[in-house]
């Protein structure tokens, strides 16, 4: 799917309707906007982004955020801040999908990237 050229988006609605593990909506020179959906019992997977800050905005569901050594519950309306170089993982602990949109600065994924599942994303890495 080509990335959007729109500069104003109903992002919460788009994120709530998204069922793909990862869907890159827009990539700029210094920032990237991505939708994510984590199934019940699933997780993003522990990772570190060197040189990339990440903000994750949760719009549906509930989960557990681990950033560095700190764990906290997250749900609709929360934001998690992941500084460059910090280990992080997000796990769905609720019923239904954990849905969010996230920004990477600078971009992390190839423009237009779509992964229906985590397994598909891991195979693409």
PDB file of N, CA and C in Angstrom:
ATOM      1  N   UNK A   1       0.831  -1.173   0.000  1.00  0.00           N
ATOM      2  CA  UNK A   1       0.000   0.000   0.000  1.00  0.00           C
ATOM      3  C   UNK A   1       0.881   1.243   0.000  1.00  0.00           C
ATOM      4  N   UNK A   2       0.620   2.171  -0.871  1.00  0.00           N
ATOM      5  CA  UNK A   2       1.421   3.399  -0.853  1.00  0.00           C
ATOM      6  C   UNK A   2       1.129   4.207   0.406  1.00  0.00           C
ATOM      7  N   UNK A   3       2.132   4.946   0.833  1.00  0.00           N
ATOM      8  CA  UNK A   3       1.969   5.793   2.005  1.00  0.00           C
ATOM      9  C   UNK A   3       1.031   6.943   1.686  1.00  0.00           C
ATOM     10  N   UNK A   4       0.403   7.481   2.724  1.00  0.00           N
ATOM     11  CA  UNK A   4      -0.510   8.602   2.556  1.00  0.00           C
ATOM     12  C   UNK A   4       0.256   9.874   2.206  1.00  0.00           C
ATOM     13  N   UNK A   5      -0.377  10.716   1.438  1.00  0.00           N
ATOM     14  CA  UNK A   5       0.163  12.035   1.136  1.00  0.00           C
ATOM     15  C   UNK A   5      -0.585  13.107   1.934  1.00  0.00           C
ATOM     16  N   UNK A   6      -1.626  12.681   2.677  1.00  0.00           N
ATOM     17  CA  UNK A   6      -2.395  13.613   3.495  1.00  0.00           C
ATOM     18  C   UNK A   6      -1.539  14.117   4.650  1.00  0.00           C
ATOM     19  N   UNK A   7      -1.730  15.351   5.023  1.00  0.00           N
ATOM     20  CA  UNK A   7      -0.972  15.915   6.131  1.00  0.00           C
ATOM     21  C   UNK A   7      -1.804  16.058   7.391  1.00  0.00           C
ATOM     22  N   UNK A   8      -3.069  15.728   7.325  1.00  0.00           N
ATOM     23  CA  UNK A   8      -3.936  15.657   8.499  1.00  0.00           C
ATOM     24  C   UNK A   8      -4.703  14.344   8.403  1.00  0.00           C
ATOM     25  N   UNK A   9      -4.669  13.560   9.484  1.00  0.00           N
ATOM     26  CA  UNK A   9      -5.271  12.230   9.467  1.00  0.00           C
ATOM     27  C   UNK A   9      -6.081  11.983  10.736  1.00  0.00           C
ATOM     28  N   UNK A  10      -7.152  11.202  10.644  1.00  0.00           N
ATOM     29  CA  UNK A  10      -7.875  10.776  11.841  1.00  0.00           C
ATOM     30  C   UNK A  10      -7.123   9.590  12.476  1.00  0.00           C
ATOM     31  N   UNK A  11      -5.971   9.865  13.072  1.00  0.00           N
ATOM     32  CA  UNK A  11      -5.018   8.822  13.458  1.00  0.00           C
ATOM     33  C   UNK A  11      -5.573   7.833  14.478  1.00  0.00           C
ATOM     34  N   UNK A  12      -6.345   8.311  15.446  1.00  0.00           N
ATOM     35  CA  UNK A  12      -6.892   7.388  16.445  1.00  0.00           C
ATOM     36  C   UNK A  12      -7.852   6.415  15.778  1.00  0.00           C
ATOM     37  N   UNK A  13      -8.707   6.908  14.900  1.00  0.00           N
ATOM     38  CA  UNK A  13      -9.646   6.057  14.174  1.00  0.00           C
ATOM     39  C   UNK A  13      -8.896   5.057  13.287  1.00  0.00           C
ATOM     40  N   UNK A  14      -7.884   5.528  12.566  1.00  0.00           N
ATOM     41  CA  UNK A  14      -7.083   4.628  11.719  1.00  0.00           C
ATOM     42  C   UNK A  14      -6.405   3.540  12.557  1.00  0.00           C
ATOM     43  N   UNK A  15      -5.863   3.920  13.703  1.00  0.00           N
ATOM     44  CA  UNK A  15      -5.180   2.947  14.564  1.00  0.00           C
ATOM     45  C   UNK A  15      -6.168   1.931  15.132  1.00  0.00           C
ATOM     46  N   UNK A  16      -7.338   2.381  15.530  1.00  0.00           N
ATOM     47  CA  UNK A  16      -8.342   1.455  16.085  1.00  0.00           C
ATOM     48  C   UNK A  16      -8.852   0.477  15.031  1.00  0.00           C
ATOM     49  N   UNK A  17      -8.901   0.881  13.763  1.00  0.00           N
ATOM     50  CA  UNK A  17      -9.383   0.006  12.685  1.00  0.00           C
ATOM     51  C   UNK A  17      -8.298  -0.925  12.150  1.00  0.00           C
ATOM     52  N   UNK A  18      -7.047  -0.627  12.434  1.00  0.00           N
ATOM     53  CA  UNK A  18      -5.930  -1.416  11.914  1.00  0.00           C
ATOM     54  C   UNK A  18      -5.828  -2.777  12.612  1.00  0.00           C
ATOM     55  N   UNK A  19      -5.643  -3.851  11.835  1.00  0.00           N
ATOM     56  CA  UNK A  19      -5.428  -5.183  12.392  1.00  0.00           C
ATOM     57  C   UNK A  19      -4.072  -5.759  12.000  1.00  0.00           C
ATOM     58  N   UNK A  20      -3.248  -4.985  11.312  1.00  0.00           N
ATOM     59  CA  UNK A  20      -1.919  -5.456  10.914  1.00  0.00           C
ATOM     60  C   UNK A  20      -0.911  -5.199  12.025  1.00  0.00           C
ATOM     61  N   UNK A  21       0.050  -6.099  12.161  1.00  0.00           N
ATOM     62  CA  UNK A  21       1.101  -5.934  13.167  1.00  0.00           C
ATOM     63  C   UNK A  21       1.833  -4.610  12.959  1.00  0.00           C
ATOM     64  N   UNK A  22       2.188  -4.316  11.734  1.00  0.00           N
ATOM     65  CA  UNK A  22       2.895  -3.067  11.438  1.00  0.00           C
ATOM     66  C   UNK A  22       2.442  -2.531  10.087  1.00  0.00           C
ATOM     67  N   UNK A  23       2.157  -1.238  10.041  1.00  0.00           N
ATOM     68  CA  UNK A  23       1.746  -0.593   8.793  1.00  0.00           C
ATOM     69  C   UNK A  23       2.302   0.829   8.792  1.00  0.00           C
ATOM     70  N   UNK A  24       3.295   1.080   7.961  1.00  0.00           N
ATOM     71  CA  UNK A  24       3.896   2.411   7.864  1.00  0.00           C
ATOM     72  C   UNK A  24       2.945   3.312   7.083  1.00  0.00           C
ATOM     73  N   UNK A  25       2.495   4.398   7.730  1.00  0.00           N
ATOM     74  CA  UNK A  25       1.571   5.336   7.081  1.00  0.00           C
ATOM     75  C   UNK A  25       2.280   6.449   6.345  1.00  0.00           C
ATOM     76  N   UNK A  26       3.357   6.943   6.954  1.00  0.00           N
ATOM     77  CA  UNK A  26       4.035   8.101   6.382  1.00  0.00           C
ATOM     78  C   UNK A  26       5.493   8.108   6.826  1.00  0.00           C
ATOM     79  N   UNK A  27       6.372   8.464   5.896  1.00  0.00           N
ATOM     80  CA  UNK A  27       7.791   8.578   6.193  1.00  0.00           C
ATOM     81  C   UNK A  27       8.290   9.920   5.694  1.00  0.00           C
ATOM     82  N   UNK A  28       8.865  10.679   6.606  1.00  0.00           N
ATOM     83  CA  UNK A  28       9.491  11.949   6.259  1.00  0.00           C
ATOM     84  C   UNK A  28      10.996  11.826   6.388  1.00  0.00           C
ATOM     85  N   UNK A  29      11.671  12.920   6.216  1.00  0.00           N
ATOM     86  CA  UNK A  29      13.126  12.920   6.324  1.00  0.00           C
ATOM     87  C   UNK A  29      13.586  12.591   7.741  1.00  0.00           C
ATOM     88  N   UNK A  30      12.841  13.063   8.757  1.00  0.00           N
ATOM     89  CA  UNK A  30      13.292  12.913  10.141  1.00  0.00           C
ATOM     90  C   UNK A  30      12.331  12.152  11.037  1.00  0.00           C
ATOM     91  N   UNK A  31      11.140  11.812  10.558  1.00  0.00           N
ATOM     92  CA  UNK A  31      10.127  11.152  11.391  1.00  0.00           C
ATOM     93  C   UNK A  31       9.338  10.158  10.550  1.00  0.00           C
ATOM     94  N   UNK A  32       8.813   9.143  11.237  1.00  0.00           N
ATOM     95  CA  UNK A  32       7.981   8.144  10.572  1.00  0.00           C
ATOM     96  C   UNK A  32       6.769   7.850  11.446  1.00  0.00           C
ATOM     97  N   UNK A  33       5.600   7.647  10.825  1.00  0.00           N
ATOM     98  CA  UNK A  33       4.349   7.345  11.516  1.00  0.00           C
ATOM     99  C   UNK A  33       3.906   5.938  11.143  1.00  0.00           C
ATOM    100  N   UNK A  34       3.659   5.101  12.167  1.00  0.00           N
ATOM    101  CA  UNK A  34       3.377   3.685  11.958  1.00  0.00           C
ATOM    102  C   UNK A  34       2.196   3.252  12.822  1.00  0.00           C
ATOM    103  N   UNK A  35       1.285   2.446  12.252  1.00  0.00           N
ATOM    104  CA  UNK A  35       0.214   1.803  13.015  1.00  0.00           C
ATOM    105  C   UNK A  35       0.683   0.430  13.450  1.00  0.00           C
ATOM    106  N   UNK A  36       0.245  -0.017  14.636  1.00  0.00           N
ATOM    107  CA  UNK A  36       0.572  -1.365  15.102  1.00  0.00           C
ATOM    108  C   UNK A  36      -0.631  -1.977  15.803  1.00  0.00           C
ATOM    109  N   UNK A  37      -0.754  -3.312  15.725  1.00  0.00           N
ATOM    110  CA  UNK A  37      -1.783  -4.062  16.436  1.00  0.00           C
ATOM    111  C   UNK A  37      -1.141  -5.345  16.958  1.00  0.00           C
ATOM    112  N   UNK A  38      -1.227  -5.544  18.275  1.00  0.00           N
ATOM    113  CA  UNK A  38      -0.614  -6.709  18.915  1.00  0.00           C
ATOM    114  C   UNK A  38      -1.743  -7.625  19.392  1.00  0.00           C
ATOM    115  N   UNK A  39      -1.766  -8.888  18.939  1.00  0.00           N
ATOM    116  CA  UNK A  39      -2.852  -9.789  19.326  1.00  0.00           C
ATOM    117  C   UNK A  39      -2.786 -10.179  20.804  1.00  0.00           C
ATOM    118  N   UNK A  40      -3.891 -10.711  21.322  1.00  0.00           N
ATOM    119  CA  UNK A  40      -3.947 -11.182  22.714  1.00  0.00           C
ATOM    120  C   UNK A  40      -2.760 -12.089  23.002  1.00  0.00           C
ATOM    121  N   UNK A  41      -2.065 -11.820  24.102  1.00  0.00           N
ATOM    122  CA  UNK A  41      -0.922 -12.638  24.499  1.00  0.00           C
ATOM    123  C   UNK A  41       0.339 -12.366  23.700  1.00  0.00           C
ATOM    124  N   UNK A  42       0.258 -11.519  22.682  1.00  0.00           N
ATOM    125  CA  UNK A  42       1.406 -11.229  21.828  1.00  0.00           C
ATOM    126  C   UNK A  42       2.249 -10.089  22.374  1.00  0.00           C
ATOM    127  N   UNK A  43       3.346  -9.846  21.692  1.00  0.00           N
ATOM    128  CA  UNK A  43       4.249  -8.774  22.086  1.00  0.00           C
ATOM    129  C   UNK A  43       4.943  -8.216  20.855  1.00  0.00           C
ATOM    130  N   UNK A  44       5.487  -7.007  21.010  1.00  0.00           N
ATOM    131  CA  UNK A  44       6.288  -6.432  19.932  1.00  0.00           C
ATOM    132  C   UNK A  44       7.598  -7.188  19.837  1.00  0.00           C
ATOM    133  N   UNK A  45       8.155  -7.551  20.976  1.00  0.00           N
ATOM    134  CA  UNK A  45       9.440  -8.254  21.021  1.00  0.00           C
ATOM    135  C   UNK A  45      10.525  -7.300  21.505  1.00  0.00           C
ATOM    136  N   UNK A  46      11.324  -7.740  22.446  1.00  0.00           N
ATOM    137  CA  UNK A  46      12.367  -6.904  23.020  1.00  0.00           C
ATOM    138  C   UNK A  46      13.341  -6.426  21.958  1.00  0.00           C
ATOM    139  N   UNK A  47      13.657  -5.133  22.000  1.00  0.00           N
ATOM    140  CA  UNK A  47      14.548  -4.561  21.001  1.00  0.00           C
ATOM    141  C   UNK A  47      15.163  -3.275  21.510  1.00  0.00           C
ATOM    142  N   UNK A  48      16.184  -2.827  20.798  1.00  0.00           N
ATOM    143  CA  UNK A  48      16.847  -1.554  21.064  1.00  0.00           C
ATOM    144  C   UNK A  48      17.006  -0.852  19.727  1.00  0.00           C
ATOM    145  N   UNK A  49      16.632   0.423  19.677  1.00  0.00           N
ATOM    146  CA  UNK A  49      16.848   1.237  18.478  1.00  0.00           C
ATOM    147  C   UNK A  49      17.967   2.225  18.782  1.00  0.00           C
ATOM    148  N   UNK A  50      19.115   2.001  18.202  1.00  0.00           N
ATOM    149  CA  UNK A  50      20.225   2.941  18.362  1.00  0.00           C
ATOM    150  C   UNK A  50      20.025   4.100  17.392  1.00  0.00           C
ATOM    151  N   UNK A  51      20.053   5.314  17.904  1.00  0.00           N
ATOM    152  CA  UNK A  51      19.904   6.486  17.041  1.00  0.00           C
ATOM    153  C   UNK A  51      18.476   6.838  16.689  1.00  0.00           C
ATOM    154  N   UNK A  52      17.485   6.150  17.322  1.00  0.00           N
ATOM    155  CA  UNK A  52      16.070   6.422  17.040  1.00  0.00           C
ATOM    156  C   UNK A  52      15.319   6.601  18.351  1.00  0.00           C
ATOM    157  N   UNK A  53      14.629   7.714  18.500  1.00  0.00           N
ATOM    158  CA  UNK A  53      13.672   7.873  19.589  1.00  0.00           C
ATOM    159  C   UNK A  53      12.326   7.357  19.089  1.00  0.00           C
ATOM    160  N   UNK A  54      11.516   6.814  20.017  1.00  0.00           N
ATOM    161  CA  UNK A  54      10.222   6.280  19.636  1.00  0.00           C
ATOM    162  C   UNK A  54       9.174   6.710  20.657  1.00  0.00           C
ATOM    163  N   UNK A  55       8.019   7.137  20.167  1.00  0.00           N
ATOM    164  CA  UNK A  55       6.859   7.442  21.002  1.00  0.00           C
ATOM    165  C   UNK A  55       5.745   6.496  20.588  1.00  0.00           C
ATOM    166  N   UNK A  56       5.103   5.836  21.558  1.00  0.00           N
ATOM    167  CA  UNK A  56       4.021   4.901  21.289  1.00  0.00           C
ATOM    168  C   UNK A  56       2.758   5.407  21.966  1.00  0.00           C
ATOM    169  N   UNK A  57       1.702   5.622  21.184  1.00  0.00           N
ATOM    170  CA  UNK A  57       0.435   6.161  21.660  1.00  0.00           C
ATOM    171  C   UNK A  57      -0.614   5.048  21.589  1.00  0.00           C
ATOM    172  N   UNK A  58      -1.146   4.634  22.736  1.00  0.00           N
ATOM    173  CA  UNK A  58      -2.071   3.505  22.804  1.00  0.00           C
ATOM    174  C   UNK A  58      -3.512   3.986  22.664  1.00  0.00           C
ATOM    175  N   UNK A  59      -4.289   3.307  21.795  1.00  0.00           N
ATOM    176  CA  UNK A  59      -5.655   3.742  21.502  1.00  0.00           C
ATOM    177  C   UNK A  59      -6.710   2.690  21.825  1.00  0.00           C
ATOM    178  N   UNK A  60      -6.312   1.449  22.097  1.00  0.00           N
ATOM    179  CA  UNK A  60      -7.269   0.393  22.455  1.00  0.00           C
ATOM    180  C   UNK A  60      -6.513  -0.765  23.093  1.00  0.00           C
ATOM    181  N   UNK A  61      -7.183  -1.426  24.042  1.00  0.00           N
ATOM    182  CA  UNK A  61      -6.594  -2.583  24.696  1.00  0.00           C
ATOM    183  C   UNK A  61      -5.763  -2.202  25.912  1.00  0.00           C
ATOM    184  N   UNK A  62      -5.072  -3.209  26.452  1.00  0.00           N
ATOM    185  CA  UNK A  62      -4.204  -2.974  27.610  1.00  0.00           C
ATOM    186  C   UNK A  62      -2.987  -3.874  27.511  1.00  0.00           C
ATOM    187  N   UNK A  63      -1.902  -3.402  28.109  1.00  0.00           N
ATOM    188  CA  UNK A  63      -0.670  -4.161  28.012  1.00  0.00           C
ATOM    189  C   UNK A  63       0.329  -3.774  29.077  1.00  0.00           C
ATOM    190  N   UNK A  64       1.512  -4.344  28.939  1.00  0.00           N
ATOM    191  CA  UNK A  64       2.618  -4.088  29.849  1.00  0.00           C
ATOM    192  C   UNK A  64       3.780  -3.547  29.031  1.00  0.00           C
ATOM    193  N   UNK A  65       4.262  -2.373  29.444  1.00  0.00           N
ATOM    194  CA  UNK A  65       5.411  -1.740  28.791  1.00  0.00           C
ATOM    195  C   UNK A  65       6.645  -1.996  29.638  1.00  0.00           C
ATOM    196  N   UNK A  66       7.727  -2.415  28.994  1.00  0.00           N
ATOM    197  CA  UNK A  66       9.021  -2.507  29.663  1.00  0.00           C
ATOM    198  C   UNK A  66       9.978  -1.608  28.896  1.00  0.00           C
ATOM    199  N   UNK A  67      10.478  -0.583  29.572  1.00  0.00           N
ATOM    200  CA  UNK A  67      11.429   0.353  28.974  1.00  0.00           C
ATOM    201  C   UNK A  67      12.606   0.415  29.928  1.00  0.00           C
ATOM    202  N   UNK A  68      13.758  -0.063  29.485  1.00  0.00           N
ATOM    203  CA  UNK A  68      14.880  -0.215  30.395  1.00  0.00           C
ATOM    204  C   UNK A  68      14.506  -1.229  31.458  1.00  0.00           C
ATOM    205  N   UNK A  69      14.679  -0.894  32.714  1.00  0.00           N
ATOM    206  CA  UNK A  69      14.326  -1.791  33.819  1.00  0.00           C
ATOM    207  C   UNK A  69      12.941  -1.508  34.385  1.00  0.00           C
ATOM    208  N   UNK A  70      12.231  -0.527  33.828  1.00  0.00           N
ATOM    209  CA  UNK A  70      10.933  -0.116  34.368  1.00  0.00           C
ATOM    210  C   UNK A  70       9.794  -0.782  33.614  1.00  0.00           C
ATOM    211  N   UNK A  71       8.853  -1.351  34.368  1.00  0.00           N
ATOM    212  CA  UNK A  71       7.641  -1.921  33.785  1.00  0.00           C
ATOM    213  C   UNK A  71       6.444  -1.110  34.257  1.00  0.00           C
ATOM    214  N   UNK A  72       5.492  -0.875  33.342  1.00  0.00           N
ATOM    215  CA  UNK A  72       4.264  -0.177  33.710  1.00  0.00           C
ATOM    216  C   UNK A  72       3.131  -0.643  32.813  1.00  0.00           C
ATOM    217  N   UNK A  73       1.918  -0.576  33.339  1.00  0.00           N
ATOM    218  CA  UNK A  73       0.747  -0.934  32.557  1.00  0.00           C
ATOM    219  C   UNK A  73       0.424   0.211  31.607  1.00  0.00           C
ATOM    220  N   UNK A  74      -0.070  -0.134  30.419  1.00  0.00           N
ATOM    221  CA  UNK A  74      -0.488   0.857  29.432  1.00  0.00           C
ATOM    222  C   UNK A  74      -1.880   0.496  28.930  1.00  0.00           C
ATOM    223  N   UNK A  75      -2.634   1.526  28.555  1.00  0.00           N
ATOM    224  CA  UNK A  75      -3.969   1.311  27.992  1.00  0.00           C
ATOM    225  C   UNK A  75      -4.349   2.538  27.175  1.00  0.00           C
ATOM    226  N   UNK A  76      -5.561   2.504  26.652  1.00  0.00           N
ATOM    227  CA  UNK A  76      -6.104   3.571  25.823  1.00  0.00           C
ATOM    228  C   UNK A  76      -5.826   4.941  26.439  1.00  0.00           C
ATOM    229  N   UNK A  77      -5.180   5.812  25.687  1.00  0.00           N
ATOM    230  CA  UNK A  77      -4.891   7.162  26.139  1.00  0.00           C
ATOM    231  C   UNK A  77      -3.485   7.359  26.675  1.00  0.00           C
ATOM    232  N   UNK A  78      -2.734   6.284  26.855  1.00  0.00           N
ATOM    233  CA  UNK A  78      -1.364   6.386  27.369  1.00  0.00           C
ATOM    234  C   UNK A  78      -0.357   6.571  26.252  1.00  0.00           C
ATOM    235  N   UNK A  79       0.784   7.144  26.591  1.00  0.00           N
ATOM    236  CA  UNK A  79       1.915   7.256  25.671  1.00  0.00           C
ATOM    237  C   UNK A  79       3.145   6.715  26.397  1.00  0.00           C
ATOM    238  N   UNK A  80       3.973   5.983  25.681  1.00  0.00           N
ATOM    239  CA  UNK A  80       5.255   5.511  26.202  1.00  0.00           C
ATOM    240  C   UNK A  80       6.368   6.169  25.409  1.00  0.00           C
ATOM    241  N   UNK A  81       7.402   6.583  26.129  1.00  0.00           N
ATOM    242  CA  UNK A  81       8.540   7.272  25.534  1.00  0.00           C
ATOM    243  C   UNK A  81       9.750   6.354  25.607  1.00  0.00           C
ATOM    244  N   UNK A  82      10.335   6.045  24.452  1.00  0.00           N
ATOM    245  CA  UNK A  82      11.501   5.165  24.381  1.00  0.00           C
ATOM    246  C   UNK A  82      12.666   5.957  23.798  1.00  0.00           C
ATOM    247  N   UNK A  83      13.610   6.379  24.652  1.00  0.00           N
ATOM    248  CA  UNK A  83      14.775   7.100  24.141  1.00  0.00           C
ATOM    249  C   UNK A  83      15.694   6.185  23.336  1.00  0.00           C
ATOM    250  N   UNK A  84      16.439   6.757  22.453  1.00  0.00           N
ATOM    251  CA  UNK A  84      17.426   6.012  21.677  1.00  0.00           C
ATOM    252  C   UNK A  84      18.308   5.190  22.599  1.00  0.00           C
ATOM    253  N   UNK A  85      18.537   3.932  22.234  1.00  0.00           N
ATOM    254  CA  UNK A  85      19.431   3.060  22.989  1.00  0.00           C
ATOM    255  C   UNK A  85      18.796   2.326  24.147  1.00  0.00           C
ATOM    256  N   UNK A  86      17.509   2.566  24.444  1.00  0.00           N
ATOM    257  CA  UNK A  86      16.837   1.904  25.566  1.00  0.00           C
ATOM    258  C   UNK A  86      16.220   0.585  25.111  1.00  0.00           C
ATOM    259  N   UNK A  87      16.476  -0.490  25.871  1.00  0.00           N
ATOM    260  CA  UNK A  87      15.776  -1.750  25.623  1.00  0.00           C
ATOM    261  C   UNK A  87      14.293  -1.518  25.897  1.00  0.00           C
ATOM    262  N   UNK A  88      13.431  -2.102  25.064  1.00  0.00           N
ATOM    263  CA  UNK A  88      11.995  -1.971  25.287  1.00  0.00           C
ATOM    264  C   UNK A  88      11.228  -3.147  24.702  1.00  0.00           C
ATOM    265  N   UNK A  89      10.071  -3.413  25.306  1.00  0.00           N
ATOM    266  CA  UNK A  89       9.141  -4.409  24.809  1.00  0.00           C
ATOM    267  C   UNK A  89       7.747  -4.027  25.294  1.00  0.00           C
ATOM    268  N   UNK A  90       6.745  -4.381  24.510  1.00  0.00           N
ATOM    269  CA  UNK A  90       5.362  -4.107  24.845  1.00  0.00           C
ATOM    270  C   UNK A  90       4.577  -5.387  24.623  1.00  0.00           C
ATOM    271  N   UNK A  91       3.851  -5.812  25.663  1.00  0.00           N
ATOM    272  CA  UNK A  91       3.120  -7.079  25.634  1.00  0.00           C
ATOM    273  C   UNK A  91       1.637  -6.825  25.865  1.00  0.00           C
ATOM    274  N   UNK A  92       0.805  -7.473  25.073  1.00  0.00           N
ATOM    275  CA  UNK A  92      -0.648  -7.384  25.226  1.00  0.00           C
ATOM    276  C   UNK A  92      -1.061  -8.291  26.381  1.00  0.00           C
ATOM    277  N   UNK A  93      -1.614  -7.706  27.444  1.00  0.00           N
ATOM    278  CA  UNK A  93      -2.056  -8.476  28.604  1.00  0.00           C
ATOM    279  C   UNK A  93      -3.574  -8.510  28.727  1.00  0.00           C
ATOM    280  N   UNK A  94      -4.266  -7.888  27.790  1.00  0.00           N
ATOM    281  CA  UNK A  94      -5.725  -7.801  27.869  1.00  0.00           C
ATOM    282  C   UNK A  94      -6.412  -8.739  26.908  1.00  0.00           C
ATOM    283  N   UNK A  95      -7.724  -8.557  26.813  1.00  0.00           N
ATOM    284  CA  UNK A  95      -8.496  -9.315  25.826  1.00  0.00           C
ATOM    285  C   UNK A  95      -8.696  -8.407  24.618  1.00  0.00           C
ATOM    286  N   UNK A  96      -8.619  -8.975  23.456  1.00  0.00           N
ATOM    287  CA  UNK A  96      -8.680  -8.181  22.231  1.00  0.00           C
ATOM    288  C   UNK A  96      -7.309  -7.644  21.875  1.00  0.00           C
ATOM    289  N   UNK A  97      -7.239  -6.962  20.762  1.00  0.00           N
ATOM    290  CA  UNK A  97      -5.967  -6.431  20.270  1.00  0.00           C
ATOM    291  C   UNK A  97      -5.524  -5.214  21.072  1.00  0.00           C
ATOM    292  N   UNK A  98      -4.211  -5.075  21.240  1.00  0.00           N
ATOM    293  CA  UNK A  98      -3.596  -3.861  21.766  1.00  0.00           C
ATOM    294  C   UNK A  98      -3.249  -3.022  20.543  1.00  0.00           C
ATOM    295  N   UNK A  99      -3.874  -1.858  20.417  1.00  0.00           N
ATOM    296  CA  UNK A  99      -3.704  -1.042  19.205  1.00  0.00           C
ATOM    297  C   UNK A  99      -3.042   0.281  19.546  1.00  0.00           C
ATOM    298  N   UNK A 100      -2.177   0.708  18.637  1.00  0.00           N
ATOM    299  CA  UNK A 100      -1.411   1.921  18.879  1.00  0.00           C
ATOM    300  C   UNK A 100      -0.922   2.514  17.579  1.00  0.00           C
ATOM    301  N   UNK A 101      -0.467   3.757  17.680  1.00  0.00           N
ATOM    302  CA  UNK A 101       0.330   4.337  16.606  1.00  0.00           C
ATOM    303  C   UNK A 101       1.629   4.797  17.236  1.00  0.00           C
ATOM    304  N   UNK A 102       2.677   4.786  16.452  1.00  0.00           N
ATOM    305  CA  UNK A 102       3.997   5.102  16.972  1.00  0.00           C
ATOM    306  C   UNK A 102       4.744   5.988  15.989  1.00  0.00           C
ATOM    307  N   UNK A 103       5.639   6.782  16.537  1.00  0.00           N
ATOM    308  CA  UNK A 103       6.517   7.589  15.692  1.00  0.00           C
ATOM    309  C   UNK A 103       7.962   7.195  15.984  1.00  0.00           C
ATOM    310  N   UNK A 104       8.751   7.171  14.940  1.00  0.00           N
ATOM    311  CA  UNK A 104      10.200   6.956  15.036  1.00  0.00           C
ATOM    312  C   UNK A 104      10.884   8.207  14.512  1.00  0.00           C
ATOM    313  N   UNK A 105      11.898   8.641  15.229  1.00  0.00           N
ATOM    314  CA  UNK A 105      12.675   9.802  14.780  1.00  0.00           C
ATOM    315  C   UNK A 105      14.156   9.480  14.931  1.00  0.00           C
ATOM    316  N   UNK A 106      14.881   9.313  13.860  1.00  0.00           N
ATOM    317  CA  UNK A 106      14.475   9.317  12.454  1.00  0.00           C
ATOM    318  C   UNK A 106      13.730   8.024  12.090  1.00  0.00           C
ATOM    319  N   UNK A 107      13.258   7.893  10.838  1.00  0.00           N
ATOM    320  CA  UNK A 107      12.529   6.700  10.422  1.00  0.00           C
ATOM    321  C   UNK A 107      13.306   5.408  10.685  1.00  0.00           C
ATOM    322  N   UNK A 108      12.559   4.352  11.020  1.00  0.00           N
ATOM    323  CA  UNK A 108      13.133   3.040  11.338  1.00  0.00           C
ATOM    324  C   UNK A 108      12.905   2.022  10.219  1.00  0.00           C
ATOM    325  N   UNK A 109      11.761   2.094   9.544  1.00  0.00           N
ATOM    326  CA  UNK A 109      11.374   1.088   8.548  1.00  0.00           C
ATOM    327  C   UNK A 109      11.379   1.675   7.140  1.00  0.00           C
ATOM    328  N   UNK A 110      11.457   0.794   6.168  1.00  0.00           N
ATOM    329  CA  UNK A 110      11.366   1.222   4.777  1.00  0.00           C
ATOM    330  C   UNK A 110       9.987   1.838   4.524  1.00  0.00           C
ATOM    331  N   UNK A 111       9.914   2.924   3.776  1.00  0.00           N
ATOM    332  CA  UNK A 111       8.613   3.517   3.456  1.00  0.00           C
ATOM    333  C   UNK A 111       7.669   2.471   2.862  1.00  0.00           C
ATOM    334  N   UNK A 112       6.402   2.513   3.284  1.00  0.00           N
ATOM    335  CA  UNK A 112       5.386   1.603   2.758  1.00  0.00           C
ATOM    336  C   UNK A 112       5.397   0.213   3.362  1.00  0.00           C
ATOM    337  N   UNK A 113       6.255  -0.051   4.343  1.00  0.00           N
ATOM    338  CA  UNK A 113       6.331  -1.384   4.957  1.00  0.00           C
ATOM    339  C   UNK A 113       4.993  -1.778   5.564  1.00  0.00           C
ATOM    340  N   UNK A 114       4.576  -3.023   5.295  1.00  0.00           N
ATOM    341  CA  UNK A 114       3.386  -3.610   5.911  1.00  0.00           C
ATOM    342  C   UNK A 114       3.706  -5.034   6.313  1.00  0.00           C
ATOM    343  N   UNK A 115       3.368  -5.388   7.549  1.00  0.00           N
ATOM    344  CA  UNK A 115       3.520  -6.762   8.048  1.00  0.00           C
ATOM    345  C   UNK A 115       2.208  -7.143   8.721  1.00  0.00           C
ATOM    346  N   UNK A 116       1.540  -8.157   8.198  1.00  0.00           N
ATOM    347  CA  UNK A 116       0.269  -8.591   8.773  1.00  0.00           C
ATOM    348  C   UNK A 116       0.467  -9.192  10.156  1.00  0.00           C
ATOM    349  N   UNK A 117       1.615  -9.852  10.384  1.00  0.00           N
ATOM    350  CA  UNK A 117       1.878 -10.523  11.659  1.00  0.00           C
ATOM    351  C   UNK A 117       3.305 -10.237  12.120  1.00  0.00           C
ATOM    352  N   UNK A 118       3.561 -10.543  13.386  1.00  0.00           N
ATOM    353  CA  UNK A 118       4.910 -10.410  13.919  1.00  0.00           C
ATOM    354  C   UNK A 118       5.865 -11.356  13.193  1.00  0.00           C
ATOM    355  N   UNK A 119       5.411 -12.572  12.907  1.00  0.00           N
ATOM    356  CA  UNK A 119       6.246 -13.545  12.200  1.00  0.00           C
ATOM    357  C   UNK A 119       6.661 -13.002  10.839  1.00  0.00           C
ATOM    358  N   UNK A 120       5.749 -12.353  10.152  1.00  0.00           N
ATOM    359  CA  UNK A 120       6.055 -11.748   8.853  1.00  0.00           C
ATOM    360  C   UNK A 120       7.109 -10.631   9.025  1.00  0.00           C
ATOM    361  N   UNK A 121       6.961  -9.840  10.090  1.00  0.00           N
ATOM    362  CA  UNK A 121       7.924  -8.761  10.363  1.00  0.00           C
ATOM    363  C   UNK A 121       9.302  -9.331  10.661  1.00  0.00           C
ATOM    364  N   UNK A 122       9.368 -10.398  11.450  1.00  0.00           N
ATOM    365  CA  UNK A 122      10.658 -11.009  11.788  1.00  0.00           C
ATOM    366  C   UNK A 122      11.331 -11.621  10.570  1.00  0.00           C
ATOM    367  N   UNK A 123      10.525 -12.187   9.661  1.00  0.00           N
ATOM    368  CA  UNK A 123      11.075 -12.776   8.443  1.00  0.00           C
ATOM    369  C   UNK A 123      11.642 -11.715   7.510  1.00  0.00           C
ATOM    370  N   UNK A 124      11.118 -10.491   7.622  1.00  0.00           N
ATOM    371  CA  UNK A 124      11.539  -9.382   6.763  1.00  0.00           C
ATOM    372  C   UNK A 124      12.806  -8.695   7.285  1.00  0.00           C
ATOM    373  N   UNK A 125      13.111  -8.895   8.574  1.00  0.00           N
ATOM    374  CA  UNK A 125      14.296  -8.229   9.163  1.00  0.00           C
ATOM    375  C   UNK A 125      15.594  -8.820   8.674  1.00  0.00           C
TER     376      UNK A 125
END
